[in-house]
Amino acid sequence: MKARNNMERSDAGRLTSRQKLVYEAIKKRKEHPSAQTIHTILSDGGHDISMATVYRQLTNLVERGIVQRVDLGNDTRYCPGKTAHAHFHCNRCDNVTNVLTTRDIIHEIISSSHDNEKWRKGDEWCFSVQIVINGICDNCCGTRDISS
């Protein structure tokens, strides 16, 4: 865990001022924000930043591996986590949060549908894995009738 925090600090240290703004807007939230939410957070915080700039910086952060893109079909969210993990998407409030998983669990999922000898080439993954669990979060289960 300490190495991951050092890596985040190291990566964040090489960011432009706009990239740092976008990265910090993502990192400070428990739920994973959309580009529109990031833009609103920054604008409400007094930063003069366009939506196009937010998208450019997000693309750059994803390409550099500093944040992960979480594809939800009709929406995209952004996660500051670098380690392999799953996400939970609440169908009621639309929040996306991390689900604690281990690398072994992810390997087991991959192994159940792919030949172990072919899905890895040395230390390199032959494909990316994105696990999104859809359901209703604890907050929403406690406040509304889940049958609706």
Protein backbone atom coordinates (compact mmCIF):
# COMPACT_ATOMS: atom_id res chain seq x y z
CA MET A 1 0.00 0.00 0.00
CA LYS A 2 2.83 2.37 0.81
CA ALA A 3 4.43 1.79 -2.61
CA ARG A 4 1.11 2.58 -4.31
CA ASN A 5 0.83 5.89 -2.43
CA ASN A 6 4.41 6.77 -3.37
CA MET A 7 3.67 5.92 -6.99
CA GLU A 8 0.58 8.15 -6.95
CA ARG A 9 2.59 11.03 -5.52
CA SER A 10 5.31 10.45 -8.08
CA ASP A 11 2.85 10.36 -11.01
CA ALA A 12 0.92 13.34 -9.69
CA GLY A 13 4.20 15.28 -9.40
CA ARG A 14 4.68 15.06 -13.16
CA LEU A 15 1.24 16.41 -14.03
CA THR A 16 0.46 19.78 -15.57
CA SER A 17 -1.62 22.17 -13.47
CA ARG A 18 -4.82 21.24 -15.40
CA GLN A 19 -4.10 17.52 -15.05
CA LYS A 20 -3.55 17.97 -11.30
CA LEU A 21 -6.90 19.76 -10.98
CA VAL A 22 -8.75 16.95 -12.76
CA TYR A 23 -6.84 14.21 -10.90
CA GLU A 24 -7.52 15.79 -7.50
CA ALA A 25 -11.23 16.14 -8.32
CA ILE A 26 -11.35 12.39 -8.96
CA LYS A 27 -9.10 11.36 -6.06
CA LYS A 28 -10.99 13.30 -3.37
CA ARG A 29 -14.28 11.48 -3.95
CA LYS A 30 -15.31 8.05 -2.71
CA GLU A 31 -17.63 7.56 -5.67
CA HIS A 32 -16.18 7.71 -9.16
CA PRO A 33 -17.28 10.87 -11.01
CA SER A 34 -18.22 11.38 -14.65
CA ALA A 35 -16.51 14.02 -16.78
CA GLN A 36 -19.55 16.29 -16.28
CA THR A 37 -19.36 15.89 -12.50
CA ILE A 38 -15.63 16.67 -12.55
CA HIS A 39 -16.33 19.81 -14.60
CA THR A 40 -19.04 20.89 -12.14
CA ILE A 41 -16.78 20.27 -9.11
CA LEU A 42 -13.99 22.36 -10.64
CA SER A 43 -16.27 25.14 -11.89
CA ASP A 44 -18.06 25.37 -8.54
CA GLY A 45 -14.62 25.53 -6.91
CA GLY A 46 -13.81 28.68 -8.88
CA HIS A 47 -11.65 27.10 -11.59
CA ASP A 48 -12.08 28.42 -15.13
CA ILE A 49 -11.90 25.16 -17.09
CA SER A 50 -13.85 24.10 -20.15
CA MET A 51 -15.55 20.75 -20.65
CA ALA A 52 -13.21 20.09 -23.61
CA THR A 53 -10.20 20.60 -21.34
CA VAL A 54 -11.62 18.18 -18.77
CA TYR A 55 -12.06 15.53 -21.50
CA ARG A 56 -8.52 16.13 -22.84
CA GLN A 57 -6.99 15.82 -19.38
CA LEU A 58 -9.01 12.69 -18.61
CA THR A 59 -7.85 11.08 -21.86
CA ASN A 60 -4.25 11.92 -20.97
CA LEU A 61 -4.57 10.59 -17.40
CA VAL A 62 -6.11 7.33 -18.66
CA GLU A 63 -3.42 6.90 -21.35
CA ARG A 64 -0.71 7.40 -18.73
CA GLY A 65 -2.35 4.86 -16.41
CA ILE A 66 -2.91 7.38 -13.63
CA VAL A 67 -6.69 6.89 -13.62
CA GLN A 68 -8.92 4.09 -14.89
CA ARG A 69 -11.92 4.53 -17.14
CA VAL A 70 -15.00 2.68 -15.85
CA ASP A 71 -17.38 2.05 -18.76
CA LEU A 72 -21.02 1.69 -17.77
CA GLY A 73 -22.49 1.37 -21.26
CA ASN A 74 -24.16 4.75 -21.59
CA ASP A 75 -21.84 6.54 -19.16
CA THR A 76 -18.15 6.65 -18.26
CA ARG A 77 -16.72 7.24 -14.79
CA TYR A 78 -13.13 7.74 -13.65
CA CYS A 79 -11.29 5.94 -10.86
CA PRO A 80 -7.93 6.94 -9.35
CA GLY A 81 -7.11 3.34 -8.40
CA LYS A 82 -4.23 1.65 -10.20
CA THR A 83 -4.50 -1.85 -8.82
CA ALA A 84 -6.85 -4.45 -10.25
CA HIS A 85 -10.25 -4.21 -8.57
CA ALA A 86 -13.95 -4.36 -9.33
CA HIS A 87 -16.60 -1.63 -9.17
CA PHE A 88 -20.14 -1.48 -7.83
CA HIS A 89 -22.68 0.64 -9.76
CA CYS A 90 -25.87 1.54 -7.90
CA ASN A 91 -28.81 1.41 -10.30
CA ARG A 92 -30.79 3.76 -8.07
CA CYS A 93 -28.43 6.65 -7.12
CA ASP A 94 -25.95 6.02 -9.99
CA ASN A 95 -22.86 6.09 -7.71
CA VAL A 96 -19.87 3.94 -8.67
CA THR A 97 -17.54 2.76 -5.90
CA ASN A 98 -14.67 0.28 -5.50
CA VAL A 99 -15.22 -3.35 -4.55
CA LEU A 100 -12.36 -4.95 -2.66
CA THR A 101 -10.98 -7.78 -4.77
CA THR A 102 -7.69 -9.58 -4.92
CA ARG A 103 -5.56 -10.34 -7.92
CA ASP A 104 -6.25 -14.03 -7.26
CA ILE A 105 -10.00 -13.50 -7.64
CA ILE A 106 -9.49 -11.69 -10.94
CA HIS A 107 -7.11 -14.44 -12.15
CA GLU A 108 -9.72 -17.05 -11.20
CA ILE A 109 -12.39 -15.23 -13.24
CA ILE A 110 -10.08 -15.01 -16.25
CA SER A 111 -8.97 -18.63 -15.88
CA SER A 112 -12.56 -19.85 -15.88
CA SER A 113 -12.97 -18.71 -19.49
CA HIS A 114 -9.42 -18.58 -20.95
CA ASP A 115 -6.48 -20.95 -21.32
CA ASN A 116 -4.03 -20.07 -18.54
CA GLU A 117 -1.08 -20.45 -20.89
CA LYS A 118 -2.48 -17.93 -23.37
CA TRP A 119 -3.92 -15.09 -21.27
CA ARG A 120 -0.52 -13.96 -20.01
CA LYS A 121 2.67 -13.35 -21.90
CA GLY A 122 5.39 -13.08 -19.28
CA ASP A 123 4.28 -10.28 -16.98
CA GLU A 124 2.10 -8.67 -19.65
CA TRP A 125 -1.69 -9.09 -19.73
CA CYS A 126 -3.09 -10.06 -23.12
CA PHE A 127 -6.30 -8.11 -22.44
CA SER A 128 -7.76 -5.79 -19.84
CA VAL A 129 -10.38 -6.78 -17.30
CA GLN A 130 -13.21 -4.60 -16.08
CA ILE A 131 -15.69 -5.96 -13.57
CA VAL A 132 -18.75 -3.85 -12.80
CA ILE A 133 -21.35 -5.22 -10.42
CA ASN A 134 -24.77 -3.60 -10.81
CA GLY A 135 -27.28 -3.48 -7.98
CA ILE A 136 -28.64 -1.21 -5.27
CA CYS A 137 -26.26 0.23 -2.66
CA ASP A 138 -26.80 0.06 1.11
CA ASN A 139 -27.88 3.71 1.27
CA CYS A 140 -30.58 3.25 -1.35
CA CYS A 141 -31.77 -0.09 0.09
CA GLY A 142 -32.40 1.61 3.41
CA THR A 143 -34.30 4.59 2.01
CA ARG A 144 -36.60 3.22 -0.70
CA ASP A 145 -38.70 0.22 -1.61
CA ILE A 146 -36.28 -1.93 -3.65
CA SER A 147 -39.10 -3.50 -5.67
CA SER A 148 -39.76 -0.26 -7.57
